[in-house]
Amino acid sequence: MSETKTFEEKLQQLEDIVSQLEKGDRPLESALADFQNGVGLVKELQGTLKNAEQTLAKVMDDNNELTDLEQTND
């Protein structure tokens, strides 16, 4: 069964990978595999943040439809 991780869980996993890589005591093969996993996590996290940003830039109009948020200088 495949479990979907939350943004926070993925971020923690990335932090753990970075911490392990910074120690520098891993065999090269393991460090490369961790680095590749880290790059994949970064891409997933960036995608999640981009989607969240796009969602936050929209609001519901009077017809309950999403519209672009208009900035005002009130």
Protein backbone atom coordinates (compact mmCIF):
# COMPACT_ATOMS: atom_id res chain seq x y z
CA MET A 1 0.00 0.00 0.00
CA SER A 2 1.44 3.38 -1.03
CA GLU A 3 1.21 6.14 1.56
CA THR A 4 1.18 9.75 0.38
CA LYS A 5 3.43 11.94 2.51
CA THR A 6 2.46 15.42 3.58
CA PHE A 7 4.43 18.51 2.62
CA GLU A 8 5.85 18.64 6.14
CA GLU A 9 6.91 14.98 6.06
CA LYS A 10 8.66 15.48 2.73
CA LEU A 11 10.38 18.60 4.04
CA GLN A 12 11.57 16.70 7.11
CA GLN A 13 12.86 13.89 4.90
CA LEU A 14 14.78 16.44 2.80
CA GLU A 15 16.25 18.00 5.95
CA ASP A 16 17.36 14.55 7.12
CA ILE A 17 19.03 13.87 3.77
CA VAL A 18 20.84 17.21 3.84
CA SER A 19 22.01 16.55 7.40
CA GLN A 20 23.38 13.14 6.44
CA LEU A 21 25.13 14.52 3.36
CA GLU A 22 26.69 17.35 5.38
CA LYS A 23 28.27 14.83 7.74
CA GLY A 24 30.23 13.42 4.80
CA ASP A 25 30.67 9.98 6.31
CA ARG A 26 28.57 8.07 3.77
CA PRO A 27 29.88 5.85 0.98
CA LEU A 28 29.77 7.61 -2.38
CA GLU A 29 27.04 5.37 -3.76
CA SER A 30 24.76 6.02 -0.78
CA ALA A 31 25.48 9.76 -0.90
CA LEU A 32 24.61 9.89 -4.61
CA ALA A 33 21.37 7.97 -4.06
CA ASP A 34 20.44 10.31 -1.20
CA PHE A 35 21.28 13.33 -3.34
CA GLN A 36 19.03 12.07 -6.14
CA ASN A 37 16.21 11.46 -3.66
CA GLY A 38 16.75 14.96 -2.28
CA VAL A 39 16.53 16.52 -5.74
CA GLY A 40 13.27 14.66 -6.35
CA LEU A 41 11.88 15.90 -3.04
CA VAL A 42 12.88 19.48 -3.86
CA LYS A 43 10.97 19.27 -7.15
CA GLU A 44 7.88 17.87 -5.41
CA LEU A 45 8.01 20.52 -2.69
CA GLN A 46 8.44 23.32 -5.23
CA GLY A 47 5.43 22.00 -7.17
CA THR A 48 3.33 21.93 -4.02
CA LEU A 49 4.34 25.50 -3.15
CA LYS A 50 3.61 26.70 -6.68
CA ASN A 51 0.13 25.14 -6.58
CA ALA A 52 -0.53 26.67 -3.17
CA GLU A 53 0.56 30.08 -4.43
CA GLN A 54 -1.72 29.82 -7.45
CA THR A 55 -4.63 28.78 -5.24
CA LEU A 56 -4.04 31.64 -2.82
CA ALA A 57 -3.97 34.10 -5.73
CA LYS A 58 -7.60 33.28 -6.52
CA VAL A 59 -10.80 34.14 -4.68
CA MET A 60 -14.41 33.14 -4.99
CA ASP A 61 -16.60 35.68 -6.77
CA ASP A 62 -20.31 36.26 -6.18
CA ASN A 63 -21.15 33.30 -8.44
CA ASN A 64 -18.95 30.94 -6.39
CA GLU A 65 -16.38 30.76 -9.17
CA LEU A 66 -12.66 31.18 -8.71
CA THR A 67 -11.28 34.41 -10.08
CA ASP A 68 -7.88 36.05 -9.95
CA LEU A 69 -7.26 38.07 -6.85
CA GLU A 70 -7.13 41.77 -7.62
CA GLN A 71 -4.70 43.78 -5.58
CA THR A 72 -5.97 47.08 -4.27
CA ASN A 73 -4.12 49.99 -2.79
CA ASP A 74 -6.80 50.93 -0.24
